[in-house]
Protein backbone atom coordinates (compact mmCIF):
# COMPACT_ATOMS: atom_id res chain seq x y z
CA MET A 1 43.76 -22.24 -1.32
CA SER A 2 46.34 -24.79 -0.17
CA LYS A 3 46.64 -25.93 3.43
CA GLN A 4 50.14 -24.41 3.67
CA ILE A 5 48.89 -20.98 2.58
CA LYS A 6 46.02 -21.12 5.10
CA ILE A 7 48.48 -21.93 7.89
CA LEU A 8 50.77 -19.10 6.78
CA LEU A 9 47.89 -16.59 6.81
CA VAL A 10 46.86 -17.68 10.32
CA LEU A 11 50.44 -17.21 11.53
CA ILE A 12 50.66 -13.77 9.93
CA VAL A 13 47.39 -12.63 11.58
CA ALA A 14 48.51 -13.99 14.95
CA ALA A 15 51.91 -12.30 14.65
CA ALA A 16 50.26 -9.01 13.72
CA ALA A 17 47.96 -9.26 16.74
CA VAL A 18 50.87 -9.92 19.08
CA TYR A 19 52.82 -7.02 17.56
CA PHE A 20 49.88 -4.67 17.97
CA LEU A 21 49.16 -5.71 21.54
CA VAL A 22 52.68 -6.15 22.86
CA VAL A 23 54.98 -3.93 20.80
CA ARG A 24 52.74 -1.06 19.77
CA LYS A 25 50.99 -0.88 23.18
CA PRO A 26 48.04 1.30 22.11
CA TRP A 27 46.87 1.96 25.70
CA LYS A 28 48.99 4.93 26.68
CA SER A 29 46.43 6.28 29.14
CA TYR A 30 46.59 3.31 31.52
CA THR A 31 48.92 3.79 34.52
CA GLY A 32 48.02 0.85 36.79
CA ASN A 33 50.02 -2.31 37.42
CA GLY A 34 47.66 -4.52 35.43
CA THR A 35 46.32 -6.42 38.42
CA ASP A 36 43.62 -4.01 39.65
CA PHE A 37 40.69 -5.92 38.12
CA ALA A 38 38.20 -5.28 40.91
CA ILE A 39 35.82 -2.32 41.16
CA ALA A 40 35.52 -1.43 44.84
CA ASP A 41 32.22 0.43 44.61
CA THR A 42 30.12 -1.43 42.05
CA GLY A 43 27.16 0.75 43.01
CA THR A 44 28.62 3.50 40.84
CA ILE A 45 28.34 1.35 37.70
CA THR A 46 25.47 2.54 35.51
CA LYS A 47 26.32 0.98 32.15
CA ILE A 48 28.07 -2.19 30.99
CA PHE A 49 28.96 -3.08 27.41
CA LEU A 50 30.07 -6.59 26.45
CA ALA A 51 31.24 -7.72 23.00
CA ASP A 52 33.15 -10.58 21.40
CA PRO A 53 35.03 -10.96 18.09
CA ARG A 54 32.15 -12.97 16.60
CA GLY A 55 29.99 -9.83 16.55
CA SER A 56 27.79 -10.68 19.53
CA LYS A 57 27.27 -7.72 21.86
CA VAL A 58 24.96 -6.45 24.57
CA LEU A 59 24.42 -3.20 26.45
CA LEU A 60 23.20 -3.24 30.05
CA THR A 61 21.95 0.05 31.49
CA LYS A 62 20.89 0.92 35.03
CA GLN A 63 17.60 2.75 35.49
CA ALA A 64 16.67 5.44 38.01
CA ASP A 65 14.78 2.90 40.14
CA GLY A 66 17.81 0.59 40.33
CA SER A 67 16.57 -1.94 37.77
CA TRP A 68 18.53 -2.78 34.62
CA LEU A 69 17.59 -3.02 30.94
CA VAL A 70 19.04 -5.18 28.18
CA ASP A 71 19.74 -3.12 25.05
CA ASN A 72 17.47 -0.39 26.43
CA ASN A 73 14.23 -2.30 25.88
CA VAL A 74 13.93 -5.50 27.96
CA ALA A 75 14.19 -6.04 31.70
CA ALA A 76 17.43 -7.69 32.77
CA ASP A 77 17.71 -10.71 35.05
CA VAL A 78 18.54 -9.14 38.41
CA THR A 79 20.27 -12.31 39.67
CA LYS A 80 22.75 -12.22 36.77
CA ILE A 81 23.36 -8.49 37.20
CA ASN A 82 24.03 -9.03 40.91
CA LEU A 83 26.37 -11.93 40.16
CA LEU A 84 28.37 -9.79 37.73
CA MET A 85 28.59 -6.97 40.29
CA GLN A 86 29.72 -9.41 42.98
CA THR A 87 32.30 -10.82 40.57
CA MET A 88 33.77 -7.39 39.81
CA HIS A 89 33.88 -6.54 43.49
CA ASP A 90 35.55 -9.78 44.62
CA ILE A 91 37.82 -10.62 41.68
CA LYS A 92 41.56 -10.75 42.32
CA MET A 93 44.74 -11.52 40.46
CA ARG A 94 45.74 -15.10 41.32
CA ASN A 95 49.10 -15.29 39.55
CA PRO A 96 51.06 -13.90 36.60
CA LEU A 97 51.47 -15.94 33.43
CA ALA A 98 54.25 -18.41 32.94
CA THR A 99 56.69 -17.29 30.25
CA ASN A 100 55.56 -20.01 27.86
CA GLU A 101 51.89 -19.00 28.27
CA PHE A 102 52.20 -15.36 27.27
CA ASN A 103 51.92 -15.56 23.48
CA THR A 104 49.20 -18.21 23.59
CA VAL A 105 47.03 -16.22 25.99
CA ILE A 106 47.51 -12.99 24.02
CA LYS A 107 46.42 -14.75 20.82
CA GLU A 108 43.39 -16.26 22.58
CA LEU A 109 42.31 -12.91 24.01
CA THR A 110 42.70 -11.28 20.59
CA ALA A 111 40.82 -13.98 18.73
CA ALA A 112 38.07 -14.87 21.21
CA GLY A 113 38.30 -12.69 24.30
CA ILE A 114 35.24 -10.88 25.62
CA LYS A 115 35.64 -7.12 25.89
CA VAL A 116 33.81 -5.66 28.89
CA GLU A 117 33.47 -1.92 29.51
CA PHE A 118 32.17 -0.51 32.79
CA TYR A 119 30.82 3.05 32.95
CA GLU A 120 29.65 5.54 35.54
CA ASP A 121 27.18 7.56 33.48
CA ASN A 122 29.28 8.29 30.37
CA ASP A 123 32.66 8.02 32.09
CA LEU A 124 34.58 4.83 31.37
CA LEU A 125 35.67 3.24 34.66
CA LYS A 126 37.48 0.16 33.40
CA THR A 127 37.83 -2.09 30.37
CA ILE A 128 38.85 -5.73 30.71
CA TYR A 129 39.29 -8.62 28.31
CA VAL A 130 37.98 -11.96 29.57
CA GLY A 131 39.51 -15.15 28.27
CA GLN A 132 39.02 -18.83 28.99
CA MET A 133 39.85 -21.02 31.96
CA THR A 134 43.24 -22.22 33.05
CA MET A 135 44.29 -25.85 32.79
CA ASP A 136 43.29 -26.48 36.41
CA GLN A 137 39.82 -25.01 35.66
CA SER A 138 40.01 -22.77 38.74
CA GLY A 139 41.37 -19.59 37.17
CA THR A 140 40.43 -17.27 34.30
CA PHE A 141 42.78 -15.45 31.93
CA MET A 142 42.02 -11.72 31.91
CA MET A 143 43.72 -8.52 30.85
CA ILE A 144 43.03 -4.89 31.69
CA ASP A 145 42.94 -2.63 28.65
CA GLY A 146 46.26 -0.78 28.64
CA ALA A 147 48.17 -3.29 30.77
CA GLU A 148 51.34 -4.91 29.50
CA SER A 149 50.33 -8.46 30.33
CA PRO A 150 47.33 -10.68 31.04
CA PHE A 151 47.02 -12.40 34.42
CA VAL A 152 45.19 -15.36 35.89
CA THR A 153 42.25 -14.15 37.99
CA HIS A 154 39.97 -15.83 40.50
CA ILE A 155 37.59 -15.18 43.37
CA PRO A 156 39.03 -16.43 46.68
CA GLY A 157 36.94 -19.30 48.00
CA PHE A 158 35.24 -19.98 44.65
CA VAL A 159 36.31 -23.05 42.68
CA GLY A 160 35.71 -22.61 38.97
CA TYR A 161 36.28 -20.12 36.19
CA LEU A 162 34.52 -16.81 35.60
CA THR A 163 33.98 -16.57 31.82
CA PRO A 164 30.32 -17.75 31.93
CA ARG A 165 29.50 -14.69 34.04
CA PHE A 166 30.23 -12.43 31.04
CA PRO A 167 27.87 -13.64 28.27
CA THR A 168 27.61 -11.47 25.16
CA ASN A 169 24.33 -12.96 23.93
CA PRO A 170 21.52 -10.53 24.95
CA VAL A 171 19.15 -13.44 25.57
CA LYS A 172 21.36 -14.64 28.43
CA TRP A 173 20.72 -11.38 30.28
CA LYS A 174 16.96 -11.12 29.83
CA SER A 175 14.72 -11.52 32.84
CA LYS A 176 12.62 -14.69 32.86
CA LEU A 177 9.91 -13.03 34.94
CA ILE A 178 6.77 -13.01 32.77
CA PHE A 179 3.89 -11.93 35.05
CA ASP A 180 4.06 -10.30 38.45
CA THR A 181 0.76 -8.45 38.84
CA LYS A 182 -1.00 -8.58 42.21
CA LEU A 183 -4.76 -8.92 42.64
CA ASP A 184 -5.30 -5.24 43.45
CA GLU A 185 -3.16 -4.22 40.44
CA LEU A 186 -4.94 -6.37 37.84
CA ALA A 187 -7.50 -4.68 35.59
CA LYS A 188 -8.29 -7.35 33.00
CA VAL A 189 -7.03 -10.64 31.67
CA THR A 190 -8.09 -12.17 28.36
CA ILE A 191 -7.43 -15.81 27.49
CA ASP A 192 -7.84 -16.70 23.83
CA TYR A 193 -7.86 -20.21 22.35
CA PRO A 194 -7.76 -19.73 18.56
CA LEU A 195 -8.42 -23.40 17.80
CA THR A 196 -11.20 -23.78 20.40
CA PRO A 197 -12.79 -20.32 20.69
CA THR A 198 -15.65 -21.51 22.89
CA GLU A 199 -13.08 -21.98 25.66
CA SER A 200 -11.87 -18.37 25.41
CA PHE A 201 -12.83 -15.90 28.11
CA SER A 202 -12.00 -12.59 29.82
CA LEU A 203 -11.93 -11.57 33.46
CA ASP A 204 -12.65 -7.97 34.47
CA ASN A 205 -11.19 -7.06 37.86
CA THR A 206 -12.05 -3.35 37.97
CA ALA A 207 -15.16 -3.80 40.10
CA ALA A 208 -15.47 -5.03 43.68
CA THR A 209 -15.95 -8.59 42.42
CA PRO A 210 -14.25 -10.04 39.30
CA VAL A 211 -16.57 -10.50 36.33
CA LEU A 212 -16.18 -13.46 33.95
CA LYS A 213 -17.25 -13.16 30.30
CA ASP A 214 -17.20 -15.57 27.38
CA ALA A 215 -15.64 -14.82 23.97
CA THR A 216 -18.77 -13.01 22.80
CA GLY A 217 -18.88 -10.72 25.85
CA ASN A 218 -21.69 -12.44 27.73
CA VAL A 219 -21.37 -12.57 31.51
CA VAL A 220 -20.84 -16.08 32.81
CA GLN A 221 -21.80 -16.98 36.36
CA ALA A 222 -18.99 -18.64 38.29
CA ASP A 223 -17.80 -19.18 41.84
CA ALA A 224 -16.74 -15.75 43.19
CA ASN A 225 -13.94 -17.15 45.34
CA PHE A 226 -12.47 -19.08 42.41
CA LEU A 227 -12.60 -15.95 40.24
CA LYS A 228 -10.77 -13.97 42.91
CA TYR A 229 -8.21 -16.73 43.34
CA TYR A 230 -7.61 -16.77 39.58
CA ALA A 231 -7.26 -12.97 39.37
CA GLY A 232 -4.61 -13.14 42.09
CA SER A 233 -2.61 -15.89 40.39
CA PHE A 234 -0.53 -13.71 38.07
CA THR A 235 2.37 -13.14 40.46
CA GLN A 236 5.94 -14.46 40.33
CA LEU A 237 5.43 -16.42 37.12
CA PHE A 238 8.80 -17.14 35.49
CA ALA A 239 9.72 -18.78 32.20
CA GLU A 240 11.95 -21.81 32.58
CA ALA A 241 14.55 -20.47 30.14
CA TYR A 242 15.15 -18.66 26.88
CA ASP A 243 15.88 -21.08 24.05
CA ASP A 244 19.43 -21.10 22.72
CA ASN A 245 19.23 -24.29 20.65
CA PHE A 246 16.91 -23.25 17.83
CA THR A 247 17.96 -20.81 15.12
CA ALA A 248 16.34 -17.41 14.65
CA ALA A 249 14.60 -18.81 11.55
CA GLN A 250 13.13 -21.66 13.61
CA HIS A 251 11.93 -19.19 16.24
CA ASP A 252 10.31 -17.14 13.51
CA SER A 253 8.62 -20.19 12.01
CA ILE A 254 7.09 -21.20 15.35
CA PHE A 255 6.11 -17.59 16.08
CA LYS A 256 4.14 -17.39 12.81
CA GLY A 257 2.28 -20.64 13.52
CA ASP A 258 -1.06 -20.95 15.27
CA ALA A 259 -0.86 -20.30 18.99
CA PHE A 260 -2.43 -22.81 21.35
CA CYS A 261 -3.29 -20.04 23.80
CA THR A 262 -2.74 -16.30 24.14
CA ILE A 263 -2.79 -14.59 27.53
CA LYS A 264 -3.24 -10.82 27.56
CA LEU A 265 -2.95 -9.01 30.85
CA GLU A 266 -3.66 -5.34 31.58
CA ASN A 267 -2.93 -3.71 34.91
CA LYS A 268 -4.69 -0.70 36.41
CA ALA A 269 -1.86 1.58 35.27
CA GLY A 270 -2.75 0.73 31.67
CA ILE A 271 0.32 -1.43 31.00
CA THR A 272 -0.39 -4.53 28.92
CA GLN A 273 1.52 -7.79 28.53
CA GLU A 274 1.03 -10.66 26.13
CA LEU A 275 2.19 -14.26 26.28
CA LYS A 276 1.63 -16.58 23.31
CA LEU A 277 1.86 -20.31 23.98
CA HIS A 278 2.57 -22.87 21.26
CA ILE A 279 2.35 -26.63 21.44
CA LYS A 280 5.76 -28.28 21.87
CA GLY A 281 6.41 -31.63 20.26
CA ILE A 282 7.88 -34.66 22.00
CA ASP A 283 11.68 -34.68 22.16
CA LYS A 284 14.41 -36.48 24.12
CA LYS A 285 13.93 -34.17 27.12
CA THR A 286 10.17 -34.75 27.37
CA LYS A 287 9.27 -36.38 30.68
CA SER A 288 5.64 -37.44 30.09
CA ARG A 289 5.46 -39.51 26.91
CA TYR A 290 2.27 -41.51 27.51
CA ASN A 291 -1.27 -40.69 28.61
CA ASP A 292 -3.22 -42.44 31.35
CA GLU A 293 -4.29 -45.13 28.89
CA GLY A 294 -0.69 -45.93 27.93
CA LYS A 295 -0.90 -44.36 24.48
CA GLU A 296 2.07 -42.36 23.25
CA LEU A 297 1.51 -38.62 23.27
CA THR A 298 2.12 -36.47 20.19
CA TYR A 299 2.92 -33.31 22.15
CA ASP A 300 4.59 -32.30 25.40
CA THR A 301 2.07 -31.85 28.21
CA ASP A 302 4.63 -30.38 30.61
CA LYS A 303 6.08 -27.53 28.54
CA TYR A 304 5.15 -24.99 25.87
CA PHE A 305 7.05 -22.87 23.42
CA ALA A 306 6.18 -19.25 24.14
CA PHE A 307 6.79 -15.65 23.06
CA VAL A 308 6.61 -12.59 25.32
CA ASN A 309 5.21 -9.26 24.14
CA GLY A 310 5.94 -9.98 20.48
CA ASP A 311 9.63 -10.73 21.06
CA ARG A 312 10.63 -13.51 18.66
CA ASN A 313 13.20 -14.94 21.05
CA MET A 314 11.44 -18.07 22.25
CA VAL A 315 11.09 -19.13 25.88
CA TYR A 316 10.01 -22.38 27.54
CA ILE A 317 6.98 -22.26 29.82
CA GLN A 318 6.34 -25.04 32.33
CA ASN A 319 2.79 -26.16 32.96
CA TYR A 320 3.89 -26.82 36.56
CA SER A 321 4.07 -23.08 37.29
CA PHE A 322 1.72 -21.60 34.66
CA GLY A 323 -0.99 -24.23 35.00
CA ARG A 324 -2.77 -22.05 37.53
CA VAL A 325 -3.41 -19.37 34.88
CA ILE A 326 -3.76 -21.50 31.73
CA LYS A 327 -7.44 -22.10 32.33
CA LYS A 328 -10.39 -22.61 29.98
CA LEU A 329 -13.92 -21.26 30.30
CA SER A 330 -15.18 -24.74 31.12
CA ASP A 331 -12.84 -24.86 34.14
CA PHE A 332 -14.82 -22.03 35.76
CA LYS A 333 -18.17 -23.60 34.92
CA SER A 334 -17.14 -26.85 36.60
CA VAL A 335 -16.42 -25.15 39.95
CA LYS A 336 -19.49 -25.06 42.15
């Protein structure tokens, strides 16, 4: 196909999009003025659907206890949910478009805009299309479904644009909280080292005093205070981030490899969680590259690749925060 034909096809598609959006006006039910972007009572929102033209989409649903789920199966990051709610409460129209901006913004919203639907139960409250930032990087092009024109929006007092607050990748919405089980809620934790099984152990916390056992089930004597401290260490443990650099195939390849360590936690309500840690190689972001003897390390001692509850979306775990629970059997034996 020649370059001229490709350009002609692009122009035809763009013209068709403009005709459909501007001339046909397929939003006959909308009666507002096109500037009422905000939702005054965001507490009524129970479901949010976001999608983009590339096929990426995510559904966020509010639960009876006030928490949110991503695609009905994974806990959502409450800070990001709250930020989105604050955005929809505070957002305002900053200015209309300049005449020479209209066609360009319409094309951009059609080709790459993020469609966001807000629901109260099954009733659609509002649908908006979120575009990119303005030239001054302090406004965001948006359009209400059914309106005759897009507008530039902003949040008074905030300098920046709002598009990053509307990600369509489900991973961006997932909670990074891995473990948050208090001492009196913990029933059992099992730490398995596939490559060094003699370092594997389990800790039973159903009795008055935690009981430590080796991989074969034999009771191991250890300092009672240290055991109690360890059993109470599984609170407020967050992953650093979900990976968005590797492909799904790369995630799958790492997932299928040998785990360095597997942590299985069961609470007294019978709910289980599993975290699989994999060795991470040295890369340009690695901070510690040499050991105490000055020799170059072959793996990252500060971070691990990890997978939560069988989910093949990979996360990064920092030894700084998880070091208190990534223990070996010999660590308990050494405490007197």
